[in-house]
Amino acid sequence: MTFTYVIEHMEEDEDTSKAIPKWVELEYMHMRTLAGPGAHVQFTHLSQSSCKTLESLFASRANAQVASAAAHQQSVMELMKARGVPLDKVCLLDPKAEHELAPEDGDGRFEWFLFGGILGDDPPRDRTGELRVLGFPTRHLGPVQMTTDTALGVTKMVVQDKVALSKIPYIDQPTIVFNSKESVEMPFRYIAEDSEPKLPPGMKEHLHEDLNQSFDF
């Protein structure tokens, strides 16, 4: 069975000619690694400039160790129609869902797993509600908000690797330390890897750069 993860881009970049922000790019690229070889990651509802940016990145970092990926200006509903995927075969990962995601959800009842590409609102604005009203079957990933790449990684561990949600090691609200004087607290849940949060490659450096820029007057 091939697993497909769909990110419906919901950041407000559609009215700009500027490419997607660097931190969004890092999270989106990390999703290919987390999904792993043999899976597909589809990014939907992107602006034309964001599509071009992502497609260029995918082409430059193509290798057998990551999921295949594609970027679309179409919404997830348009892509489902084009691919012949029915609504009841798409599982929306929704913090307000009644049931938690379980390993048996990867046994064929769903073809796609859908995420709102919201990328860490703090506090959450429930933009997943825009997808909820469309009528998808839903599952949640626990009570603590995750970054979207973490949510995809956790979903993959549950439905492909058959690890129960409660068995996945997490770190909540980690403090990222840059040096003896500089650190930043991240208000999200991450997968733990060697007692450290599993961040996208390059994210720690980007956060440090952002922190330094915020002090430039």
Protein backbone atom coordinates (compact mmCIF):
# COMPACT_ATOMS: atom_id res chain seq x y z
CA MET A 1 0.00 0.00 0.00
CA THR A 2 1.25 3.47 -0.90
CA PHE A 3 0.72 6.16 1.72
CA THR A 4 -0.10 9.69 0.56
CA TYR A 5 0.14 12.70 2.86
CA VAL A 6 -1.53 15.92 1.70
CA ILE A 7 -0.72 19.38 3.07
CA GLU A 8 -3.43 21.93 2.26
CA HIS A 9 -1.40 25.13 2.42
CA MET A 10 -3.28 27.65 4.57
CA GLU A 11 -0.63 30.30 5.15
CA GLU A 12 -1.49 33.73 3.78
CA ASP A 13 1.09 33.99 1.00
CA GLU A 14 -1.37 33.88 -1.88
CA ASP A 15 -1.47 37.63 -2.44
CA THR A 16 2.30 38.11 -2.58
CA SER A 17 4.79 37.58 -5.35
CA LYS A 18 7.32 36.55 -2.71
CA ALA A 19 8.22 32.89 -2.32
CA ILE A 20 7.22 30.96 0.79
CA PRO A 21 9.11 31.95 3.98
CA LYS A 22 12.33 30.10 4.81
CA TRP A 23 10.89 28.38 7.90
CA VAL A 24 7.91 27.08 5.91
CA GLU A 25 10.31 25.78 3.27
CA LEU A 26 12.35 23.96 5.95
CA GLU A 27 9.24 22.32 7.46
CA TYR A 28 7.88 21.31 4.05
CA MET A 29 11.18 19.75 3.01
CA HIS A 30 11.41 17.92 6.36
CA MET A 31 8.05 16.28 5.65
CA ARG A 32 9.55 14.32 2.75
CA THR A 33 12.16 12.84 5.10
CA LEU A 34 9.60 12.05 7.79
CA ALA A 35 7.21 10.37 5.32
CA GLY A 36 10.07 8.25 4.04
CA PRO A 37 10.79 6.39 0.79
CA GLY A 38 7.81 4.88 -0.99
CA ALA A 39 5.35 7.49 0.31
CA HIS A 40 4.01 10.56 -1.51
CA VAL A 41 3.62 14.09 -0.14
CA GLN A 42 1.26 16.42 -2.01
CA PHE A 43 1.25 20.16 -1.26
CA THR A 44 -2.00 21.80 -2.37
CA HIS A 45 -3.57 25.29 -2.55
CA LEU A 46 -0.27 27.06 -3.22
CA SER A 47 0.33 30.29 -5.08
CA GLN A 48 2.09 30.01 -8.44
CA SER A 49 5.33 31.41 -7.01
CA SER A 50 5.26 28.99 -4.06
CA CYS A 51 4.66 26.06 -6.43
CA LYS A 52 7.69 27.04 -8.48
CA THR A 53 9.86 27.42 -5.37
CA LEU A 54 8.90 24.02 -3.97
CA GLU A 55 9.18 22.18 -7.30
CA SER A 56 12.68 23.62 -7.72
CA LEU A 57 13.65 22.47 -4.22
CA PHE A 58 12.22 18.99 -4.81
CA ALA A 59 14.20 18.65 -8.04
CA SER A 60 17.44 19.82 -6.42
CA ARG A 61 17.12 17.38 -3.49
CA ALA A 62 15.77 14.28 -5.19
CA ASN A 63 17.03 11.07 -3.59
CA ALA A 64 15.79 7.58 -2.78
CA GLN A 65 15.70 8.18 0.99
CA VAL A 66 12.75 10.59 0.98
CA ALA A 67 9.12 10.54 -0.15
CA SER A 68 8.27 11.77 -3.62
CA ALA A 69 6.57 15.17 -3.60
CA ALA A 70 4.58 17.51 -5.81
CA ALA A 71 3.22 21.05 -5.44
CA HIS A 72 -0.19 22.10 -6.77
CA GLN A 73 -2.17 25.31 -7.12
CA GLN A 74 -5.31 23.13 -6.94
CA SER A 75 -7.05 22.70 -3.58
CA VAL A 76 -7.21 19.25 -2.00
CA MET A 77 -10.84 18.91 -3.13
CA GLU A 78 -9.87 19.68 -6.73
CA LEU A 79 -6.97 17.22 -6.57
CA MET A 80 -9.23 14.51 -5.11
CA LYS A 81 -11.68 14.99 -7.96
CA ALA A 82 -8.90 14.84 -10.55
CA ARG A 83 -7.44 11.67 -8.99
CA GLY A 84 -10.78 9.98 -8.27
CA VAL A 85 -10.26 9.83 -4.50
CA PRO A 86 -13.58 9.75 -2.57
CA LEU A 87 -14.14 11.87 0.55
CA ASP A 88 -14.43 8.86 2.88
CA LYS A 89 -10.94 7.70 1.88
CA VAL A 90 -9.28 10.90 3.12
CA CYS A 91 -8.52 11.20 6.85
CA LEU A 92 -8.28 14.77 8.16
CA LEU A 93 -5.94 15.13 11.14
CA ASP A 94 -8.03 17.42 13.31
CA PRO A 95 -7.32 18.43 16.95
CA LYS A 96 -11.09 18.44 17.56
CA ALA A 97 -11.72 14.91 16.24
CA GLU A 98 -13.53 12.46 18.52
CA HIS A 99 -11.15 9.53 17.97
CA GLU A 100 -7.36 9.38 18.07
CA LEU A 101 -5.33 8.03 15.17
CA ALA A 102 -4.61 4.31 15.58
CA PRO A 103 -2.38 1.80 13.75
CA GLU A 104 -5.42 0.13 12.16
CA ASP A 105 -6.17 3.42 10.35
CA GLY A 106 -3.25 2.48 8.10
CA ASP A 107 -4.78 -0.85 7.07
CA GLY A 108 -6.45 0.47 3.91
CA ARG A 109 -9.52 2.31 5.15
CA PHE A 110 -7.85 5.59 4.13
CA GLU A 111 -5.88 6.42 0.98
CA TRP A 112 -4.79 9.94 1.95
CA PHE A 113 -3.96 11.62 5.26
CA LEU A 114 -4.73 15.35 5.17
CA PHE A 115 -3.17 18.17 7.20
CA GLY A 116 -3.91 21.86 7.31
CA GLY A 117 -0.56 23.50 6.50
CA ILE A 118 -0.86 26.00 9.31
CA LEU A 119 2.64 25.62 10.68
CA GLY A 120 2.38 26.52 14.28
CA ASP A 121 -0.11 29.21 15.15
CA ASP A 122 0.36 30.14 18.79
CA PRO A 123 -2.27 30.31 20.10
CA PRO A 124 -4.04 28.01 17.61
CA ARG A 125 -6.63 29.75 15.42
CA ASP A 126 -8.46 26.54 14.41
CA ARG A 127 -7.95 27.10 10.71
CA THR A 128 -8.39 23.31 10.36
CA GLY A 129 -12.08 24.22 10.77
CA GLU A 130 -12.05 25.33 7.11
CA LEU A 131 -11.33 21.71 6.16
CA ARG A 132 -13.52 20.15 8.88
CA VAL A 133 -16.71 21.58 7.40
CA LEU A 134 -16.07 19.69 4.13
CA GLY A 135 -17.05 16.41 5.82
CA PHE A 136 -13.85 14.36 5.96
CA PRO A 137 -13.49 11.49 8.44
CA THR A 138 -11.26 12.82 11.23
CA ARG A 139 -8.67 11.65 13.77
CA HIS A 140 -6.66 13.56 16.37
CA LEU A 141 -3.02 13.22 17.49
CA GLY A 142 -3.46 14.03 21.16
CA PRO A 143 -4.09 17.19 23.21
CA VAL A 144 -0.88 19.15 22.55
CA GLN A 145 -0.39 21.22 19.40
CA MET A 146 2.34 20.01 17.03
CA THR A 147 4.09 21.66 14.13
CA THR A 148 2.73 20.35 10.82
CA ASP A 149 5.89 18.41 9.98
CA THR A 150 5.75 16.76 13.44
CA ALA A 151 2.08 15.88 12.87
CA LEU A 152 3.00 14.20 9.58
CA GLY A 153 5.90 12.34 11.21
CA VAL A 154 3.67 11.10 14.05
CA THR A 155 0.97 10.01 11.58
CA LYS A 156 3.54 8.04 9.58
CA MET A 157 4.79 6.31 12.74
CA VAL A 158 1.23 5.31 13.67
CA VAL A 159 -0.20 4.21 10.31
CA GLN A 160 2.93 2.84 8.62
CA ASP A 161 5.18 1.76 11.49
CA LYS A 162 2.20 0.66 13.66
CA VAL A 163 3.37 2.53 16.78
CA ALA A 164 0.53 3.62 19.08
CA LEU A 165 0.32 7.37 19.78
CA SER A 166 1.03 6.78 23.47
CA LYS A 167 4.27 4.91 22.65
CA ILE A 168 5.88 7.70 20.62
CA PRO A 169 8.51 9.69 22.57
CA TYR A 170 7.72 13.41 22.68
CA ILE A 171 9.25 16.64 23.93
CA ASP A 172 6.77 19.42 24.74
CA GLN A 173 7.64 23.13 24.59
CA PRO A 174 11.40 22.57 24.28
CA THR A 175 13.90 25.36 24.85
CA ILE A 176 16.33 25.58 21.94
CA VAL A 177 19.68 26.74 23.34
CA PHE A 178 22.05 28.55 20.97
CA ASN A 179 24.74 29.57 23.47
CA SER A 180 25.10 30.57 27.13
CA LYS A 181 23.10 33.77 26.60
CA GLU A 182 20.63 33.00 23.81
CA SER A 183 17.74 30.54 23.68
CA VAL A 184 14.15 30.37 22.48
CA GLU A 185 11.19 28.35 23.75
CA MET A 186 9.10 26.58 21.12
CA PRO A 187 5.42 26.31 22.16
CA PHE A 188 4.76 22.97 20.41
CA ARG A 189 5.13 19.20 20.76
CA TYR A 190 7.96 17.49 18.87
CA ILE A 191 9.06 13.90 18.34
CA ALA A 192 12.00 13.20 20.66
CA GLU A 193 15.21 11.86 19.13
CA ASP A 194 18.08 11.17 21.55
CA SER A 195 16.31 13.42 24.10
CA GLU A 196 16.31 16.31 21.61
CA PRO A 197 13.34 17.67 19.58
CA LYS A 198 13.33 16.45 15.97
CA LEU A 199 13.61 19.77 14.12
CA PRO A 200 13.93 20.23 10.36
CA PRO A 201 17.57 20.41 9.21
CA GLY A 202 18.61 24.07 9.23
CA MET A 203 15.77 25.17 11.54
CA LYS A 204 17.95 25.79 14.61
CA GLU A 205 20.26 28.02 12.58
CA HIS A 206 17.28 29.83 11.06
CA LEU A 207 15.73 30.44 14.50
CA HIS A 208 19.02 31.85 15.77
CA GLU A 209 19.27 34.13 12.75
CA ASP A 210 15.69 35.30 13.33
CA LEU A 211 16.42 35.93 17.00
CA ASN A 212 19.43 38.07 16.14
CA GLN A 213 17.48 40.03 13.54
CA SER A 214 14.77 40.82 16.10
CA PHE A 215 17.40 42.67 18.13
CA ASP A 216 18.60 44.80 15.22
CA PHE A 217 17.31 48.32 15.66
